């Protein structure tokens, strides 16, 4: 009898403690960078909202390359095979030159950069693009003969540019 009474009091105390923790954590305030408060009912909702807002501010161009990695990998395969619509897995029916990622890659190349320089620039803010997206654009533009690539001073043949050669070669515009 005494044992069950103690167990009952222990459960009540644990419940009270858990409710107190929930109340304290739920009352926590979350602030975005810049100091504006994030409102929401639960702490996890507030944190998620603040993190998403921060990512959008840090990488405002990310949405142009936001796709599953499997889709980008498929685009790379199609581009290496010189498919006329390598970006079809992303629901683009246009030529490579009209795809936003390809347009930005062409602008980033400028008067000529290495694949590593192009990757580094487009993987950083304000883009935050995955490497596969950049590589797919480079390979597609090369296989459609919209840009040339050289490796050790020699032109890379159509269909021979791959992800390893992207980082080693130079992409003159």
C-alpha atoms as a PDB file:
ATOM      1  CA  UNK A   1       0.000   0.000   0.000  1.00  0.00           C
ATOM      2  CA  UNK A   2       2.739   2.465   0.915  1.00  0.00           C
ATOM      3  CA  UNK A   3       4.713   1.496  -2.167  1.00  0.00           C
ATOM      4  CA  UNK A   4       1.784   2.210  -4.529  1.00  0.00           C
ATOM      5  CA  UNK A   5       1.195   5.561  -2.789  1.00  0.00           C
ATOM      6  CA  UNK A   6       4.830   6.524  -3.348  1.00  0.00           C
ATOM      7  CA  UNK A   7       4.675   5.440  -6.990  1.00  0.00           C
ATOM      8  CA  UNK A   8       1.508   7.469  -7.466  1.00  0.00           C
ATOM      9  CA  UNK A   9       3.136  10.595  -5.970  1.00  0.00           C
ATOM     10  CA  UNK A  10       6.221  10.006  -8.121  1.00  0.00           C
ATOM     11  CA  UNK A  11       4.091   9.864 -11.305  1.00  0.00           C
ATOM     12  CA  UNK A  12       2.250  13.039 -10.302  1.00  0.00           C
ATOM     13  CA  UNK A  13       5.576  14.815  -9.657  1.00  0.00           C
ATOM     14  CA  UNK A  14       6.972  13.628 -13.015  1.00  0.00           C
ATOM     15  CA  UNK A  15       3.843  14.828 -14.795  1.00  0.00           C
ATOM     16  CA  UNK A  16       4.053  18.207 -13.045  1.00  0.00           C
ATOM     17  CA  UNK A  17       7.755  18.468 -13.936  1.00  0.00           C
ATOM     18  CA  UNK A  18       7.108  17.582 -17.595  1.00  0.00           C
ATOM     19  CA  UNK A  19       4.274  20.102 -17.815  1.00  0.00           C
ATOM     20  CA  UNK A  20       6.515  22.776 -16.281  1.00  0.00           C
ATOM     21  CA  UNK A  21       9.295  22.065 -18.794  1.00  0.00           C
ATOM     22  CA  UNK A  22       6.798  22.205 -21.667  1.00  0.00           C
ATOM     23  CA  UNK A  23       5.449  25.515 -20.373  1.00  0.00           C
ATOM     24  CA  UNK A  24       8.919  27.047 -19.946  1.00  0.00           C
ATOM     25  CA  UNK A  25      10.190  25.882 -23.346  1.00  0.00           C
ATOM     26  CA  UNK A  26       6.935  26.908 -25.021  1.00  0.00           C
ATOM     27  CA  UNK A  27       7.309  30.426 -23.635  1.00  0.00           C
ATOM     28  CA  UNK A  28      10.799  30.805 -25.095  1.00  0.00           C
ATOM     29  CA  UNK A  29      11.216  33.666 -27.512  1.00  0.00           C
ATOM     30  CA  UNK A  30      12.977  33.206 -30.838  1.00  0.00           C
ATOM     31  CA  UNK A  31      14.475  36.123 -32.735  1.00  0.00           C
ATOM     32  CA  UNK A  32      15.552  36.337 -36.367  1.00  0.00           C
ATOM     33  CA  UNK A  33      18.810  37.960 -37.332  1.00  0.00           C
ATOM     34  CA  UNK A  34      18.081  41.658 -37.115  1.00  0.00           C
ATOM     35  CA  UNK A  35      16.067  41.282 -33.930  1.00  0.00           C
ATOM     36  CA  UNK A  36      12.494  40.639 -35.047  1.00  0.00           C
ATOM     37  CA  UNK A  37      10.630  38.094 -32.955  1.00  0.00           C
ATOM     38  CA  UNK A  38       9.266  34.906 -34.508  1.00  0.00           C
ATOM     39  CA  UNK A  39       5.751  34.046 -33.392  1.00  0.00           C
ATOM     40  CA  UNK A  40       4.278  30.582 -33.177  1.00  0.00           C
ATOM     41  CA  UNK A  41       2.653  28.191 -30.757  1.00  0.00           C
ATOM     42  CA  UNK A  42       5.507  25.747 -30.257  1.00  0.00           C
ATOM     43  CA  UNK A  43       9.260  26.246 -29.993  1.00  0.00           C
ATOM     44  CA  UNK A  44      10.009  23.837 -32.840  1.00  0.00           C
ATOM     45  CA  UNK A  45       7.669  25.784 -35.146  1.00  0.00           C
ATOM     46  CA  UNK A  46       9.352  29.073 -34.210  1.00  0.00           C
ATOM     47  CA  UNK A  47      12.845  27.647 -34.731  1.00  0.00           C
ATOM     48  CA  UNK A  48      11.948  26.123 -38.087  1.00  0.00           C
ATOM     49  CA  UNK A  49      10.383  29.362 -39.286  1.00  0.00           C
ATOM     50  CA  UNK A  50      13.396  31.423 -38.200  1.00  0.00           C
ATOM     51  CA  UNK A  51      15.833  28.994 -39.835  1.00  0.00           C
ATOM     52  CA  UNK A  52      13.894  28.992 -43.122  1.00  0.00           C
ATOM     53  CA  UNK A  53      13.760  32.796 -43.128  1.00  0.00           C
ATOM     54  CA  UNK A  54      17.515  32.953 -42.520  1.00  0.00           C
ATOM     55  CA  UNK A  55      18.226  30.537 -45.355  1.00  0.00           C
ATOM     56  CA  UNK A  56      16.069  32.530 -47.764  1.00  0.00           C
ATOM     57  CA  UNK A  57      17.950  35.716 -46.827  1.00  0.00           C
ATOM     58  CA  UNK A  58      21.345  34.008 -47.154  1.00  0.00           C
ATOM     59  CA  UNK A  59      20.540  32.137 -50.382  1.00  0.00           C
ATOM     60  CA  UNK A  60      17.850  34.135 -52.243  1.00  0.00           C
ATOM     61  CA  UNK A  61      18.788  32.475 -55.571  1.00  0.00           C
ATOM     62  CA  UNK A  62      18.585  28.913 -54.226  1.00  0.00           C
ATOM     63  CA  UNK A  63      15.089  28.272 -55.565  1.00  0.00           C
ATOM     64  CA  UNK A  64      16.380  28.374 -59.159  1.00  0.00           C
ATOM     65  CA  UNK A  65      18.332  25.144 -58.534  1.00  0.00           C
ATOM     66  CA  UNK A  66      16.122  23.561 -55.886  1.00  0.00           C
ATOM     67  CA  UNK A  67      15.513  19.999 -57.041  1.00  0.00           C
ATOM     68  CA  UNK A  68      16.207  16.513 -55.710  1.00  0.00           C
ATOM     69  CA  UNK A  69      19.757  15.298 -56.262  1.00  0.00           C
ATOM     70  CA  UNK A  70      18.442  12.321 -58.240  1.00  0.00           C
ATOM     71  CA  UNK A  71      16.895  14.729 -60.758  1.00  0.00           C
ATOM     72  CA  UNK A  72      20.189  16.604 -61.147  1.00  0.00           C
ATOM     73  CA  UNK A  73      22.074  13.323 -61.571  1.00  0.00           C
ATOM     74  CA  UNK A  74      19.612  12.351 -64.296  1.00  0.00           C
ATOM     75  CA  UNK A  75      20.192  15.725 -65.989  1.00  0.00           C
ATOM     76  CA  UNK A  76      23.946  15.110 -65.924  1.00  0.00           C
ATOM     77  CA  UNK A  77      23.513  11.707 -67.579  1.00  0.00           C
ATOM     78  CA  UNK A  78      21.235  13.162 -70.233  1.00  0.00           C
ATOM     79  CA  UNK A  79      23.611  16.076 -70.870  1.00  0.00           C
ATOM     80  CA  UNK A  80      26.626  13.753 -71.252  1.00  0.00           C
ATOM     81  CA  UNK A  81      24.598  11.772 -73.794  1.00  0.00           C
ATOM     82  CA  UNK A  82      23.955  15.050 -75.692  1.00  0.00           C
ATOM     83  CA  UNK A  83      20.200  14.702 -75.189  1.00  0.00           C
ATOM     84  CA  UNK A  84      18.299  17.610 -76.756  1.00  0.00           C
ATOM     85  CA  UNK A  85      16.403  18.282 -73.524  1.00  0.00           C
ATOM     86  CA  UNK A  86      18.756  17.338 -70.689  1.00  0.00           C
ATOM     87  CA  UNK A  87      16.687  19.216 -68.120  1.00  0.00           C
ATOM     88  CA  UNK A  88      13.432  17.409 -68.815  1.00  0.00           C
ATOM     89  CA  UNK A  89      13.628  15.610 -65.407  1.00  0.00           C
ATOM     90  CA  UNK A  90      13.244  19.093 -63.903  1.00  0.00           C
ATOM     91  CA  UNK A  91      10.200  19.770 -66.100  1.00  0.00           C
ATOM     92  CA  UNK A  92      12.107  22.128 -68.426  1.00  0.00           C
ATOM     93  CA  UNK A  93      11.339  21.663 -72.092  1.00  0.00           C
ATOM     94  CA  UNK A  94      13.483  24.610 -73.228  1.00  0.00           C
ATOM     95  CA  UNK A  95      16.979  24.580 -74.661  1.00  0.00           C
ATOM     96  CA  UNK A  96      19.779  24.621 -72.111  1.00  0.00           C
ATOM     97  CA  UNK A  97      20.478  28.304 -72.718  1.00  0.00           C
ATOM     98  CA  UNK A  98      16.998  29.200 -71.385  1.00  0.00           C
ATOM     99  CA  UNK A  99      17.321  27.292 -68.094  1.00  0.00           C
ATOM    100  CA  UNK A 100      17.977  29.688 -65.159  1.00  0.00           C
ATOM    101  CA  UNK A 101      20.920  27.656 -63.837  1.00  0.00           C
ATOM    102  CA  UNK A 102      22.541  27.597 -67.287  1.00  0.00           C
ATOM    103  CA  UNK A 103      22.013  31.319 -67.723  1.00  0.00           C
ATOM    104  CA  UNK A 104      23.735  32.011 -64.412  1.00  0.00           C
ATOM    105  CA  UNK A 105      26.581  29.627 -65.219  1.00  0.00           C
ATOM    106  CA  UNK A 106      27.206  31.496 -68.478  1.00  0.00           C
ATOM    107  CA  UNK A 107      27.233  34.830 -66.615  1.00  0.00           C
ATOM    108  CA  UNK A 108      29.558  33.429 -63.968  1.00  0.00           C
ATOM    109  CA  UNK A 109      32.047  32.132 -66.540  1.00  0.00           C
ATOM    110  CA  UNK A 110      32.633  35.670 -67.771  1.00  0.00           C
ATOM    111  CA  UNK A 111      35.874  35.774 -69.741  1.00  0.00           C
ATOM    112  CA  UNK A 112      36.827  32.301 -68.586  1.00  0.00           C
ATOM    113  CA  UNK A 113      37.190  30.468 -65.293  1.00  0.00           C
ATOM    114  CA  UNK A 114      38.045  27.015 -64.133  1.00  0.00           C
ATOM    115  CA  UNK A 115      35.262  24.638 -63.232  1.00  0.00           C
ATOM    116  CA  UNK A 116      36.385  24.850 -59.603  1.00  0.00           C
ATOM    117  CA  UNK A 117      36.016  28.645 -59.621  1.00  0.00           C
ATOM    118  CA  UNK A 118      32.542  28.409 -61.132  1.00  0.00           C
ATOM    119  CA  UNK A 119      31.463  25.788 -58.598  1.00  0.00           C
ATOM    120  CA  UNK A 120      32.860  27.786 -55.688  1.00  0.00           C
ATOM    121  CA  UNK A 121      31.023  30.935 -56.736  1.00  0.00           C
ATOM    122  CA  UNK A 122      27.654  29.242 -57.313  1.00  0.00           C
ATOM    123  CA  UNK A 123      27.826  27.052 -54.196  1.00  0.00           C
ATOM    124  CA  UNK A 124      28.260  30.186 -52.041  1.00  0.00           C
ATOM    125  CA  UNK A 125      25.755  32.911 -51.169  1.00  0.00           C
ATOM    126  CA  UNK A 126      23.536  34.205 -52.732  1.00  0.00           C
ATOM    127  CA  UNK A 127      23.087  30.941 -54.671  1.00  0.00           C
ATOM    128  CA  UNK A 128      23.882  27.959 -52.448  1.00  0.00           C
ATOM    129  CA  UNK A 129      23.402  25.641 -55.399  1.00  0.00           C
ATOM    130  CA  UNK A 130      24.268  21.961 -55.211  1.00  0.00           C
ATOM    131  CA  UNK A 131      27.375  20.893 -57.116  1.00  0.00           C
ATOM    132  CA  UNK A 132      25.288  18.583 -59.326  1.00  0.00           C
ATOM    133  CA  UNK A 133      23.217  21.551 -60.526  1.00  0.00           C
ATOM    134  CA  UNK A 134      26.317  23.491 -61.554  1.00  0.00           C
ATOM    135  CA  UNK A 135      27.877  20.421 -63.164  1.00  0.00           C
ATOM    136  CA  UNK A 136      24.684  19.602 -65.050  1.00  0.00           C
ATOM    137  CA  UNK A 137      24.620  23.122 -66.488  1.00  0.00           C
ATOM    138  CA  UNK A 138      28.295  23.043 -67.475  1.00  0.00           C
ATOM    139  CA  UNK A 139      27.987  19.628 -69.108  1.00  0.00           C
ATOM    140  CA  UNK A 140      24.745  20.525 -70.892  1.00  0.00           C
ATOM    141  CA  UNK A 141      26.157  23.794 -72.225  1.00  0.00           C
ATOM    142  CA  UNK A 142      29.296  21.995 -73.378  1.00  0.00           C
ATOM    143  CA  UNK A 143      27.452  19.107 -75.038  1.00  0.00           C
ATOM    144  CA  UNK A 144      25.139  21.542 -76.839  1.00  0.00           C
ATOM    145  CA  UNK A 145      28.265  23.411 -77.994  1.00  0.00           C
ATOM    146  CA  UNK A 146      27.294  26.645 -76.255  1.00  0.00           C
ATOM    147  CA  UNK A 147      30.646  26.731 -74.510  1.00  0.00           C
ATOM    148  CA  UNK A 148      33.998  25.070 -74.879  1.00  0.00           C
ATOM    149  CA  UNK A 149      36.167  23.481 -72.219  1.00  0.00           C
ATOM    150  CA  UNK A 150      39.861  22.821 -72.214  1.00  0.00           C
ATOM    151  CA  UNK A 151      41.899  20.406 -70.156  1.00  0.00           C
ATOM    152  CA  UNK A 152      45.672  20.909 -70.034  1.00  0.00           C
ATOM    153  CA  UNK A 153      45.341  23.322 -72.949  1.00  0.00           C
ATOM    154  CA  UNK A 154      43.480  20.882 -75.213  1.00  0.00           C
ATOM    155  CA  UNK A 155      39.786  21.141 -76.045  1.00  0.00           C
ATOM    156  CA  UNK A 156      37.527  18.606 -74.385  1.00  0.00           C
ATOM    157  CA  UNK A 157      35.517  16.729 -77.007  1.00  0.00           C
ATOM    158  CA  UNK A 158      31.730  16.906 -77.006  1.00  0.00           C
ATOM    159  CA  UNK A 159      30.297  14.328 -74.601  1.00  0.00           C
ATOM    160  CA  UNK A 160      33.624  13.921 -72.773  1.00  0.00           C
ATOM    161  CA  UNK A 161      33.127  16.624 -70.128  1.00  0.00           C
ATOM    162  CA  UNK A 162      32.219  15.028 -66.824  1.00  0.00           C
ATOM    163  CA  UNK A 163      32.173  16.053 -63.188  1.00  0.00           C
ATOM    164  CA  UNK A 164      35.866  15.256 -62.663  1.00  0.00           C
ATOM    165  CA  UNK A 165      36.953  17.255 -65.688  1.00  0.00           C
ATOM    166  CA  UNK A 166      34.706  20.151 -64.661  1.00  0.00           C
ATOM    167  CA  UNK A 167      36.929  20.830 -61.686  1.00  0.00           C
ATOM    168  CA  UNK A 168      40.209  20.299 -63.555  1.00  0.00           C
ATOM    169  CA  UNK A 169      39.495  22.132 -66.799  1.00  0.00           C
ATOM    170  CA  UNK A 170      39.160  25.716 -67.892  1.00  0.00           C
ATOM    171  CA  UNK A 171      35.856  26.958 -69.270  1.00  0.00           C
ATOM    172  CA  UNK A 172      36.521  29.881 -71.599  1.00  0.00           C
ATOM    173  CA  UNK A 173      33.450  31.710 -72.811  1.00  0.00           C
END
